[in-house]
C-alpha cells in the first residue's frame, strides 16, 4: 500500500505541466509512469509521441526498442521520453517537484534528471542529424498509425 501511495504521488504530482524540449517544442501534458529513465506524457488522456524535429542543439531520437510502452502500444519506438531531451528550465522544474514529493522513488528521479543535465549527445551516440529525425518520423508513422487513428496516441508533429 505504501508503495502505491508513493507511485501515485510521483505520477500525479506534475499533472498539467508545461514542458519545453531542447528542440524548441512546448507541450502541456500530464506526466505518467515516471521512472529514472524517463517519463510518458499524456495529452488529454492520449500518449504523446514526440516527433524529435531536427535541431542542432537537441538530442537525436532514441534508437532502442520500447519494451515498456503503456496501453499495449507498439514497441517499435519508445514513448518514454528521457529527461535529457527536456530544456534546462523544464529539468529544473521537474527536479524541484520530485524533491518536494520526497519519496525514495521521486528522489531517484530527481537525481537522474540532475545527472542528465550534463550528458552530451555524443556520449550517448545521439548526435543530432536530420536523417535520424526523418527515420524516426517514418518509423513512428508506420507503426503507430492505428494508435493515432484510434486516439490512443497523439503525434507531436500534429500539435505544432
Protein backbone atom coordinates (compact mmCIF):
# COMPACT_ATOMS: atom_id res chain seq x y z
CA UNK A 1 0.00 0.00 0.00
CA UNK A 2 2.82 2.39 0.89
CA UNK A 3 4.47 1.73 -2.49
CA UNK A 4 1.19 2.51 -4.26
CA UNK A 5 0.86 5.85 -2.48
CA UNK A 6 4.46 6.75 -3.37
CA UNK A 7 3.83 5.79 -7.01
CA UNK A 8 0.68 7.91 -7.16
CA UNK A 9 2.48 10.87 -5.63
CA UNK A 10 5.25 10.66 -8.23
CA UNK A 11 2.85 10.11 -11.10
CA UNK A 12 0.31 12.80 -10.32
CA UNK A 13 2.49 15.44 -8.68
CA UNK A 14 3.25 17.03 -12.03
CA UNK A 15 -0.14 16.91 -13.71
CA UNK A 16 -0.77 19.54 -16.33
CA UNK A 17 2.86 20.60 -16.61
CA UNK A 18 4.15 22.97 -19.28
CA UNK A 19 7.19 21.22 -20.73
CA UNK A 20 9.86 22.58 -23.04
CA UNK A 21 12.15 20.43 -25.15
CA UNK A 22 15.68 21.28 -26.26
CA UNK A 23 14.41 21.13 -29.86
CA UNK A 24 12.07 24.08 -29.19
CA UNK A 25 8.84 22.09 -28.78
CA UNK A 26 6.46 23.11 -26.00
CA UNK A 27 3.64 20.88 -24.74
CA UNK A 28 1.16 20.95 -21.88
CA UNK A 29 0.93 17.40 -20.63
CA UNK A 30 0.40 15.15 -17.65
CA UNK A 31 3.38 13.06 -16.58
CA UNK A 32 2.59 9.36 -16.44
CA UNK A 33 4.64 6.42 -15.18
CA UNK A 34 7.69 8.50 -14.26
CA UNK A 35 10.86 6.48 -13.80
CA UNK A 36 14.52 7.48 -13.56
CA UNK A 37 14.89 6.52 -17.24
CA UNK A 38 12.21 8.94 -18.39
CA UNK A 39 8.53 9.70 -18.45
CA UNK A 40 5.49 9.05 -20.62
CA UNK A 41 3.48 12.17 -21.40
CA UNK A 42 -0.30 12.21 -21.72
CA UNK A 43 -2.23 14.91 -23.54
CA UNK A 44 -5.97 14.74 -22.92
CA UNK A 45 -5.56 11.09 -21.92
CA UNK A 46 -3.62 10.13 -25.06
CA UNK A 47 0.02 9.05 -25.08
CA UNK A 48 2.17 11.79 -26.57
CA UNK A 49 4.72 10.55 -29.12
CA UNK A 50 7.41 13.17 -29.52
CA UNK A 51 8.36 13.95 -33.12
CA UNK A 52 12.03 14.86 -32.41
CA UNK A 53 12.40 17.53 -35.07
CA UNK A 54 15.96 18.13 -36.18
CA UNK A 55 17.62 20.85 -34.12
CA UNK A 56 21.36 21.29 -33.79
CA UNK A 57 21.11 21.84 -30.00
CA UNK A 58 18.90 18.81 -29.30
CA UNK A 59 19.50 15.10 -29.00
CA UNK A 60 18.58 12.79 -31.88
CA UNK A 61 15.58 10.49 -31.42
CA UNK A 62 16.14 7.32 -29.38
CA UNK A 63 17.18 4.24 -31.31
CA UNK A 64 16.26 1.46 -28.89
CA UNK A 65 13.10 -0.60 -28.71
CA UNK A 66 10.44 0.25 -26.18
CA UNK A 67 9.64 -2.78 -24.11
CA UNK A 68 7.56 -0.82 -21.61
CA UNK A 69 5.24 1.28 -23.75
CA UNK A 70 1.90 1.66 -21.96
CA UNK A 71 -1.57 0.65 -23.09
CA UNK A 72 -0.37 -2.09 -25.47
CA UNK A 73 1.16 0.43 -27.86
CA UNK A 74 3.67 -0.86 -30.43
CA UNK A 75 7.19 -1.42 -29.15
CA UNK A 76 9.00 -0.28 -32.29
CA UNK A 77 9.65 3.15 -30.82
CA UNK A 78 9.71 4.27 -27.20
CA UNK A 79 7.02 6.57 -25.90
CA UNK A 80 9.01 7.16 -22.70
CA UNK A 81 10.96 10.40 -23.07
CA UNK A 82 14.36 10.60 -21.44
CA UNK A 83 14.85 13.67 -19.27
CA UNK A 84 17.87 14.84 -21.26
CA UNK A 85 15.50 15.76 -24.12
CA UNK A 86 13.91 18.48 -21.98
CA UNK A 87 15.19 22.05 -21.80
CA UNK A 88 17.11 23.07 -18.68
CA UNK A 89 14.23 25.12 -17.22
CA UNK A 90 11.90 22.11 -17.52
CA UNK A 91 14.53 19.84 -15.98
CA UNK A 92 14.91 22.29 -13.07
CA UNK A 93 11.12 22.43 -12.55
CA UNK A 94 10.84 18.65 -12.56
CA UNK A 95 13.73 18.26 -10.09
CA UNK A 96 12.05 20.74 -7.74
CA UNK A 97 8.68 18.99 -7.98
CA UNK A 98 10.10 15.50 -7.43
CA UNK A 99 12.22 16.63 -4.49
CA UNK A 100 9.08 18.08 -2.87
CA UNK A 101 7.34 14.71 -3.18
CA UNK A 102 10.23 13.33 -1.13
CA UNK A 103 9.69 9.60 -1.58
CA UNK A 104 12.70 7.43 -2.45
CA UNK A 105 11.27 6.90 -5.95
CA UNK A 106 10.79 10.63 -6.51
CA UNK A 107 14.27 11.44 -5.17
CA UNK A 108 15.77 8.85 -7.55
CA UNK A 109 14.02 10.54 -10.47
CA UNK A 110 15.23 13.98 -9.37
CA UNK A 111 18.80 12.71 -9.09
CA UNK A 112 18.64 11.17 -12.56
CA UNK A 113 17.35 14.41 -14.05
CA UNK A 114 20.20 16.29 -12.37
CA UNK A 115 22.78 13.92 -13.87
CA UNK A 116 21.09 14.03 -17.30
CA UNK A 117 21.71 17.79 -17.48
CA UNK A 118 25.40 17.13 -18.07
CA UNK A 119 25.16 14.37 -20.67
CA UNK A 120 26.15 15.28 -24.19
CA UNK A 121 24.55 13.84 -27.32
CA UNK A 122 27.94 12.48 -28.33
CA UNK A 123 28.24 10.47 -25.10
CA UNK A 124 25.00 8.66 -25.93
CA UNK A 125 25.65 8.44 -29.67
CA UNK A 126 22.59 10.62 -30.20
CA UNK A 127 24.18 13.48 -32.11
CA UNK A 128 21.53 15.46 -33.96
CA UNK A 129 21.18 14.62 -37.64
CA UNK A 130 18.34 15.35 -40.00
CA UNK A 131 18.34 11.78 -41.36
CA UNK A 132 17.80 10.41 -37.81
CA UNK A 133 14.75 12.65 -37.38
CA UNK A 134 13.37 11.59 -40.76
CA UNK A 135 13.93 7.90 -39.96
CA UNK A 136 12.14 8.34 -36.60
CA UNK A 137 9.20 10.04 -38.30
CA UNK A 138 8.83 7.27 -40.90
CA UNK A 139 9.06 4.51 -38.28
CA UNK A 140 6.51 6.10 -35.93
CA UNK A 141 4.00 6.97 -38.66
CA UNK A 142 4.18 3.41 -39.99
CA UNK A 143 3.98 1.57 -36.68
CA UNK A 144 1.66 3.85 -34.72
CA UNK A 145 -0.92 4.68 -37.40
CA UNK A 146 -3.55 2.50 -35.72
CA UNK A 147 -2.84 4.10 -32.33
CA UNK A 148 -3.23 7.56 -33.87
CA UNK A 149 -6.41 6.54 -35.74
CA UNK A 150 -7.99 5.08 -32.58
CA UNK A 151 -6.96 8.11 -30.49
CA UNK A 152 -4.76 6.13 -28.09
CA UNK A 153 -1.78 8.28 -29.03
CA UNK A 154 -1.11 11.74 -30.36
CA UNK A 155 1.76 12.60 -32.71
CA UNK A 156 3.78 15.59 -31.56
CA UNK A 157 4.14 16.96 -35.06
CA UNK A 158 0.34 17.39 -35.26
CA UNK A 159 0.36 19.68 -32.21
CA UNK A 160 2.80 22.22 -33.63
